[in-house]
Amino acid sequence: MNGIKNGRLTHNSRILRRNMTPEERRLWYCFLKALPVTVHRQRVIGPYIVDFCCPQAKLVIEIDGSQHFEEKGRESDAERDAALQKLGFTVLRYSNSDVNLRFHAVCEDIYRHMTGIK
C-alpha cells in the first residue's frame, strides 16, 4: 500500500503523528481511534503523507487548514487527490472549521463512507 519506500517521508510522518493539529487530535481521540476498523494516522502512501487512512475502506481523510483554500493549495490537493484515487482511495476533505463547528456531522459523514451507507 505504501508504494514508494521513502525514509524521509516515514521520518516526517512520525513527527506529524507526534504533532497533530488540534483538529486532527480531536478527530483521532474522539472518533477515529475507537472505530472497529483500523485507521492509521499520518500514513505514507506513495509520495504523500495523508492525515488518516483506513485501508479496509480504501478511505483517506484529510483535515485542511487555511493554506488548502489558496490557489496553490487547491491545485496541489487536486493533484494529490487524483493520484490517491488512481490507487483506489476515496479522499474525504474537511476544513478545520468543519471539525470545530460541525464535529458530529463530520463523524457521521466519515462513518457513512466507511460503511457504505448512502
N, C-alpha and C. Protein backbone atom coordinates (compact mmCIF):
# COMPACT_ATOMS: atom_id res chain seq x y z
N MET A 1 0.82 -1.19 0.00
CA MET A 1 0.00 0.00 0.00
C MET A 1 0.86 1.25 0.00
N ASN A 2 1.97 1.25 0.64
CA ASN A 2 2.80 2.44 0.74
C ASN A 2 3.49 2.79 -0.56
N GLY A 3 3.57 1.86 -1.50
CA GLY A 3 4.20 2.15 -2.78
C GLY A 3 5.67 2.42 -2.59
N ILE A 4 6.06 3.66 -2.69
CA ILE A 4 7.45 4.07 -2.60
C ILE A 4 7.91 4.04 -1.14
N LYS A 5 9.02 3.35 -0.88
CA LYS A 5 9.61 3.38 0.45
C LYS A 5 10.50 4.60 0.51
N ASN A 6 10.16 5.53 1.35
CA ASN A 6 10.90 6.77 1.42
C ASN A 6 11.18 7.07 2.88
N GLY A 7 12.44 6.92 3.29
CA GLY A 7 12.81 7.12 4.69
C GLY A 7 12.49 8.50 5.20
N ARG A 8 12.67 9.52 4.35
CA ARG A 8 12.38 10.89 4.76
C ARG A 8 10.89 11.05 5.05
N LEU A 9 10.04 10.49 4.20
CA LEU A 9 8.60 10.59 4.43
C LEU A 9 8.20 9.84 5.69
N THR A 10 8.78 8.67 5.89
CA THR A 10 8.47 7.90 7.09
C THR A 10 8.87 8.68 8.34
N HIS A 11 10.04 9.29 8.31
CA HIS A 11 10.50 10.11 9.44
C HIS A 11 9.55 11.29 9.66
N ASN A 12 9.18 11.96 8.56
CA ASN A 12 8.26 13.10 8.67
C ASN A 12 6.89 12.67 9.19
N SER A 13 6.42 11.50 8.78
CA SER A 13 5.11 11.04 9.24
C SER A 13 5.12 10.79 10.75
N ARG A 14 6.23 10.28 11.27
CA ARG A 14 6.34 10.09 12.72
C ARG A 14 6.29 11.43 13.45
N ILE A 15 6.97 12.42 12.92
CA ILE A 15 6.95 13.75 13.52
C ILE A 15 5.53 14.31 13.50
N LEU A 16 4.84 14.16 12.37
CA LEU A 16 3.47 14.66 12.26
C LEU A 16 2.53 13.94 13.23
N ARG A 17 2.73 12.65 13.45
CA ARG A 17 1.89 11.93 14.43
C ARG A 17 2.06 12.50 15.83
N ARG A 18 3.28 12.87 16.15
CA ARG A 18 3.54 13.43 17.49
C ARG A 18 3.06 14.87 17.61
N ASN A 19 2.85 15.54 16.49
CA ASN A 19 2.50 16.96 16.50
C ASN A 19 1.21 17.23 15.72
N MET A 20 0.19 16.45 15.99
CA MET A 20 -1.08 16.63 15.29
C MET A 20 -1.66 18.01 15.61
N THR A 21 -2.42 18.53 14.65
CA THR A 21 -3.13 19.78 14.90
C THR A 21 -4.24 19.51 15.91
N PRO A 22 -4.77 20.54 16.55
CA PRO A 22 -5.88 20.32 17.49
C PRO A 22 -7.07 19.62 16.83
N GLU A 23 -7.34 19.94 15.58
CA GLU A 23 -8.47 19.34 14.88
C GLU A 23 -8.21 17.86 14.58
N GLU A 24 -6.99 17.55 14.15
CA GLU A 24 -6.63 16.15 13.92
C GLU A 24 -6.69 15.37 15.23
N ARG A 25 -6.19 15.96 16.28
CA ARG A 25 -6.19 15.30 17.60
C ARG A 25 -7.61 15.01 18.04
N ARG A 26 -8.49 15.98 17.89
CA ARG A 26 -9.89 15.79 18.30
C ARG A 26 -10.54 14.66 17.50
N LEU A 27 -10.36 14.69 16.19
CA LEU A 27 -10.97 13.66 15.36
C LEU A 27 -10.42 12.29 15.71
N TRP A 28 -9.12 12.20 15.96
CA TRP A 28 -8.49 10.92 16.30
C TRP A 28 -8.98 10.40 17.65
N TYR A 29 -8.84 11.20 18.68
CA TYR A 29 -9.13 10.70 20.03
C TYR A 29 -10.62 10.61 20.34
N CYS A 30 -11.43 11.43 19.68
CA CYS A 30 -12.86 11.43 19.98
C CYS A 30 -13.70 10.60 19.01
N PHE A 31 -13.07 10.08 17.96
CA PHE A 31 -13.86 9.31 16.99
C PHE A 31 -13.08 8.18 16.32
N LEU A 32 -12.08 8.51 15.54
CA LEU A 32 -11.42 7.51 14.69
C LEU A 32 -10.76 6.38 15.45
N LYS A 33 -10.12 6.69 16.57
CA LYS A 33 -9.38 5.69 17.33
C LYS A 33 -10.30 4.58 17.87
N ALA A 34 -11.55 4.92 18.12
CA ALA A 34 -12.49 3.97 18.72
C ALA A 34 -13.26 3.13 17.70
N LEU A 35 -13.06 3.40 16.41
CA LEU A 35 -13.79 2.64 15.40
C LEU A 35 -13.35 1.18 15.38
N PRO A 36 -14.25 0.29 14.97
CA PRO A 36 -13.90 -1.14 14.94
C PRO A 36 -13.06 -1.54 13.73
N VAL A 37 -12.60 -0.57 12.95
CA VAL A 37 -11.69 -0.83 11.83
C VAL A 37 -10.38 -0.10 12.10
N THR A 38 -9.32 -0.53 11.44
CA THR A 38 -8.02 0.11 11.63
C THR A 38 -7.95 1.41 10.86
N VAL A 39 -7.58 2.46 11.57
CA VAL A 39 -7.34 3.76 10.95
C VAL A 39 -5.92 4.17 11.35
N HIS A 40 -5.14 4.55 10.36
CA HIS A 40 -3.76 4.98 10.60
C HIS A 40 -3.67 6.49 10.56
N ARG A 41 -2.81 7.04 11.40
CA ARG A 41 -2.55 8.48 11.41
C ARG A 41 -1.29 8.76 10.60
N GLN A 42 -1.31 9.86 9.87
CA GLN A 42 -0.12 10.32 9.14
C GLN A 42 0.56 9.17 8.42
N ARG A 43 -0.15 8.57 7.52
CA ARG A 43 0.30 7.38 6.80
C ARG A 43 0.95 7.76 5.47
N VAL A 44 2.06 7.12 5.16
CA VAL A 44 2.72 7.32 3.88
C VAL A 44 2.03 6.46 2.83
N ILE A 45 1.57 7.10 1.76
CA ILE A 45 1.00 6.39 0.61
C ILE A 45 1.68 6.98 -0.61
N GLY A 46 2.52 6.17 -1.24
CA GLY A 46 3.30 6.67 -2.38
C GLY A 46 4.13 7.86 -1.94
N PRO A 47 4.08 8.96 -2.69
CA PRO A 47 4.89 10.13 -2.34
C PRO A 47 4.17 11.11 -1.38
N TYR A 48 3.10 10.65 -0.75
CA TYR A 48 2.29 11.53 0.10
C TYR A 48 2.22 11.03 1.54
N ILE A 49 1.99 11.96 2.44
CA ILE A 49 1.62 11.62 3.82
C ILE A 49 0.19 12.11 3.98
N VAL A 50 -0.72 11.17 4.25
CA VAL A 50 -2.12 11.55 4.42
C VAL A 50 -2.42 11.66 5.91
N ASP A 51 -3.39 12.49 6.27
CA ASP A 51 -3.72 12.69 7.68
C ASP A 51 -4.20 11.39 8.32
N PHE A 52 -5.19 10.75 7.70
CA PHE A 52 -5.74 9.49 8.21
C PHE A 52 -6.03 8.57 7.04
N CYS A 53 -5.86 7.28 7.26
CA CYS A 53 -6.11 6.29 6.22
C CYS A 53 -6.77 5.07 6.83
N CYS A 54 -7.84 4.62 6.21
CA CYS A 54 -8.49 3.36 6.59
C CYS A 54 -8.35 2.42 5.39
N PRO A 55 -7.34 1.54 5.42
CA PRO A 55 -7.10 0.66 4.28
C PRO A 55 -8.29 -0.24 3.93
N GLN A 56 -8.99 -0.74 4.94
CA GLN A 56 -10.12 -1.64 4.69
C GLN A 56 -11.21 -0.97 3.86
N ALA A 57 -11.44 0.31 4.12
CA ALA A 57 -12.48 1.05 3.39
C ALA A 57 -11.90 1.80 2.19
N LYS A 58 -10.56 1.69 1.99
CA LYS A 58 -9.88 2.44 0.93
C LYS A 58 -10.25 3.93 1.03
N LEU A 59 -10.12 4.45 2.24
CA LEU A 59 -10.54 5.81 2.54
C LEU A 59 -9.39 6.62 3.10
N VAL A 60 -9.21 7.83 2.59
CA VAL A 60 -8.25 8.80 3.10
C VAL A 60 -9.05 9.98 3.62
N ILE A 61 -8.69 10.44 4.81
CA ILE A 61 -9.37 11.58 5.44
C ILE A 61 -8.34 12.67 5.64
N GLU A 62 -8.62 13.84 5.08
CA GLU A 62 -7.73 14.99 5.19
C GLU A 62 -8.42 16.11 5.95
N ILE A 63 -7.70 16.71 6.88
CA ILE A 63 -8.20 17.87 7.64
C ILE A 63 -7.40 19.07 7.15
N ASP A 64 -8.08 20.02 6.54
CA ASP A 64 -7.42 21.11 5.85
C ASP A 64 -7.43 22.42 6.62
N GLY A 65 -6.25 23.00 6.75
CA GLY A 65 -6.10 24.34 7.28
C GLY A 65 -6.26 25.36 6.17
N SER A 66 -6.09 26.62 6.50
CA SER A 66 -6.36 27.71 5.57
C SER A 66 -5.52 27.66 4.30
N GLN A 67 -4.29 27.13 4.37
CA GLN A 67 -3.43 27.10 3.19
C GLN A 67 -4.03 26.25 2.06
N HIS A 68 -4.92 25.35 2.39
CA HIS A 68 -5.54 24.49 1.38
C HIS A 68 -6.59 25.23 0.56
N PHE A 69 -6.97 26.41 0.98
CA PHE A 69 -8.01 27.17 0.29
C PHE A 69 -7.43 28.27 -0.59
N GLU A 70 -6.11 28.39 -0.60
CA GLU A 70 -5.44 29.30 -1.52
C GLU A 70 -5.26 28.57 -2.85
N GLU A 71 -5.04 29.31 -3.93
CA GLU A 71 -4.97 28.70 -5.26
C GLU A 71 -3.93 27.58 -5.34
N LYS A 72 -2.74 27.83 -4.85
CA LYS A 72 -1.68 26.81 -4.90
C LYS A 72 -2.08 25.57 -4.10
N GLY A 73 -2.69 25.76 -2.94
CA GLY A 73 -3.13 24.64 -2.12
C GLY A 73 -4.21 23.83 -2.79
N ARG A 74 -5.17 24.51 -3.43
CA ARG A 74 -6.25 23.80 -4.13
C ARG A 74 -5.70 22.97 -5.29
N GLU A 75 -4.75 23.55 -6.02
CA GLU A 75 -4.15 22.83 -7.15
C GLU A 75 -3.38 21.60 -6.67
N SER A 76 -2.60 21.78 -5.62
CA SER A 76 -1.83 20.68 -5.06
C SER A 76 -2.74 19.58 -4.54
N ASP A 77 -3.81 19.97 -3.85
CA ASP A 77 -4.77 18.99 -3.33
C ASP A 77 -5.46 18.23 -4.45
N ALA A 78 -5.81 18.92 -5.53
CA ALA A 78 -6.48 18.25 -6.66
C ALA A 78 -5.56 17.21 -7.28
N GLU A 79 -4.28 17.55 -7.44
CA GLU A 79 -3.30 16.61 -8.00
C GLU A 79 -3.13 15.39 -7.08
N ARG A 80 -3.01 15.68 -5.81
CA ARG A 80 -2.83 14.63 -4.80
C ARG A 80 -4.05 13.72 -4.72
N ASP A 81 -5.24 14.32 -4.71
CA ASP A 81 -6.47 13.53 -4.66
C ASP A 81 -6.59 12.62 -5.88
N ALA A 82 -6.24 13.15 -7.06
CA ALA A 82 -6.31 12.35 -8.28
C ALA A 82 -5.35 11.16 -8.20
N ALA A 83 -4.15 11.39 -7.69
CA ALA A 83 -3.16 10.30 -7.56
C ALA A 83 -3.66 9.25 -6.57
N LEU A 84 -4.23 9.67 -5.46
CA LEU A 84 -4.74 8.72 -4.46
C LEU A 84 -5.95 7.96 -5.01
N GLN A 85 -6.79 8.65 -5.78
CA GLN A 85 -7.95 7.98 -6.38
C GLN A 85 -7.51 6.93 -7.39
N LYS A 86 -6.41 7.19 -8.11
CA LYS A 86 -5.88 6.18 -9.05
C LYS A 86 -5.43 4.93 -8.31
N LEU A 87 -5.06 5.09 -7.04
CA LEU A 87 -4.67 3.95 -6.21
C LEU A 87 -5.88 3.28 -5.57
N GLY A 88 -7.08 3.80 -5.87
CA GLY A 88 -8.31 3.18 -5.38
C GLY A 88 -8.89 3.79 -4.12
N PHE A 89 -8.32 4.90 -3.65
CA PHE A 89 -8.80 5.54 -2.43
C PHE A 89 -9.87 6.58 -2.72
N THR A 90 -10.83 6.68 -1.83
CA THR A 90 -11.75 7.81 -1.79
C THR A 90 -11.14 8.82 -0.82
N VAL A 91 -11.09 10.07 -1.22
CA VAL A 91 -10.50 11.11 -0.38
C VAL A 91 -11.61 12.00 0.15
N LEU A 92 -11.69 12.09 1.47
CA LEU A 92 -12.64 12.99 2.13
C LEU A 92 -11.86 14.15 2.69
N ARG A 93 -12.31 15.37 2.43
CA ARG A 93 -11.63 16.55 2.94
C ARG A 93 -12.60 17.37 3.80
N TYR A 94 -12.11 17.76 4.97
CA TYR A 94 -12.87 18.60 5.87
C TYR A 94 -11.96 19.74 6.31
N SER A 95 -12.54 20.89 6.47
CA SER A 95 -11.75 22.03 6.95
C SER A 95 -11.63 21.97 8.47
N ASN A 96 -10.67 22.70 8.99
CA ASN A 96 -10.56 22.83 10.44
C ASN A 96 -11.86 23.34 11.02
N SER A 97 -12.49 24.28 10.31
CA SER A 97 -13.78 24.82 10.78
C SER A 97 -14.85 23.74 10.84
N ASP A 98 -14.87 22.85 9.86
CA ASP A 98 -15.84 21.74 9.88
C ASP A 98 -15.66 20.92 11.16
N VAL A 99 -14.41 20.58 11.47
CA VAL A 99 -14.15 19.76 12.66
C VAL A 99 -14.53 20.53 13.93
N ASN A 100 -14.24 21.81 13.96
CA ASN A 100 -14.54 22.61 15.15
C ASN A 100 -16.02 22.93 15.33
N LEU A 101 -16.71 23.18 14.22
CA LEU A 101 -18.09 23.66 14.32
C LEU A 101 -19.15 22.60 14.00
N ARG A 102 -18.77 21.57 13.27
CA ARG A 102 -19.73 20.55 12.84
C ARG A 102 -19.17 19.15 13.10
N PHE A 103 -18.58 18.96 14.25
CA PHE A 103 -17.86 17.72 14.55
C PHE A 103 -18.71 16.48 14.34
N HIS A 104 -19.92 16.47 14.86
CA HIS A 104 -20.78 15.29 14.74
C HIS A 104 -21.15 15.00 13.29
N ALA A 105 -21.37 16.05 12.51
CA ALA A 105 -21.69 15.86 11.09
C ALA A 105 -20.49 15.29 10.34
N VAL A 106 -19.29 15.74 10.66
CA VAL A 106 -18.07 15.20 10.06
C VAL A 106 -17.94 13.72 10.39
N CYS A 107 -18.13 13.38 11.65
CA CYS A 107 -18.03 11.97 12.08
C CYS A 107 -19.07 11.11 11.38
N GLU A 108 -20.29 11.60 11.27
CA GLU A 108 -21.35 10.85 10.59
C GLU A 108 -21.01 10.63 9.12
N ASP A 109 -20.45 11.66 8.47
CA ASP A 109 -20.09 11.55 7.06
C ASP A 109 -18.97 10.51 6.87
N ILE A 110 -17.98 10.55 7.72
CA ILE A 110 -16.89 9.57 7.64
C ILE A 110 -17.45 8.17 7.85
N TYR A 111 -18.29 8.00 8.85
CA TYR A 111 -18.87 6.69 9.15
C TYR A 111 -19.67 6.16 7.97
N ARG A 112 -20.47 7.04 7.34
CA ARG A 112 -21.25 6.64 6.17
C ARG A 112 -20.34 6.12 5.05
N HIS A 113 -19.23 6.81 4.83
CA HIS A 113 -18.30 6.38 3.78
C HIS A 113 -17.61 5.07 4.15
N MET A 114 -17.33 4.88 5.41
CA MET A 114 -16.66 3.64 5.84
C MET A 114 -17.58 2.43 5.75
N THR A 115 -18.83 2.65 5.97
CA THR A 115 -19.78 1.52 5.99
C THR A 115 -20.56 1.38 4.70
N GLY A 116 -20.39 2.33 3.78
CA GLY A 116 -21.09 2.27 2.50
C GLY A 116 -22.55 2.71 2.59
N ILE A 117 -22.93 3.33 3.70
CA ILE A 117 -24.30 3.84 3.86
C ILE A 117 -24.41 5.12 3.06
N LYS A 118 -25.42 5.22 2.24
CA LYS A 118 -25.62 6.43 1.43
C LYS A 118 -26.62 7.36 2.05
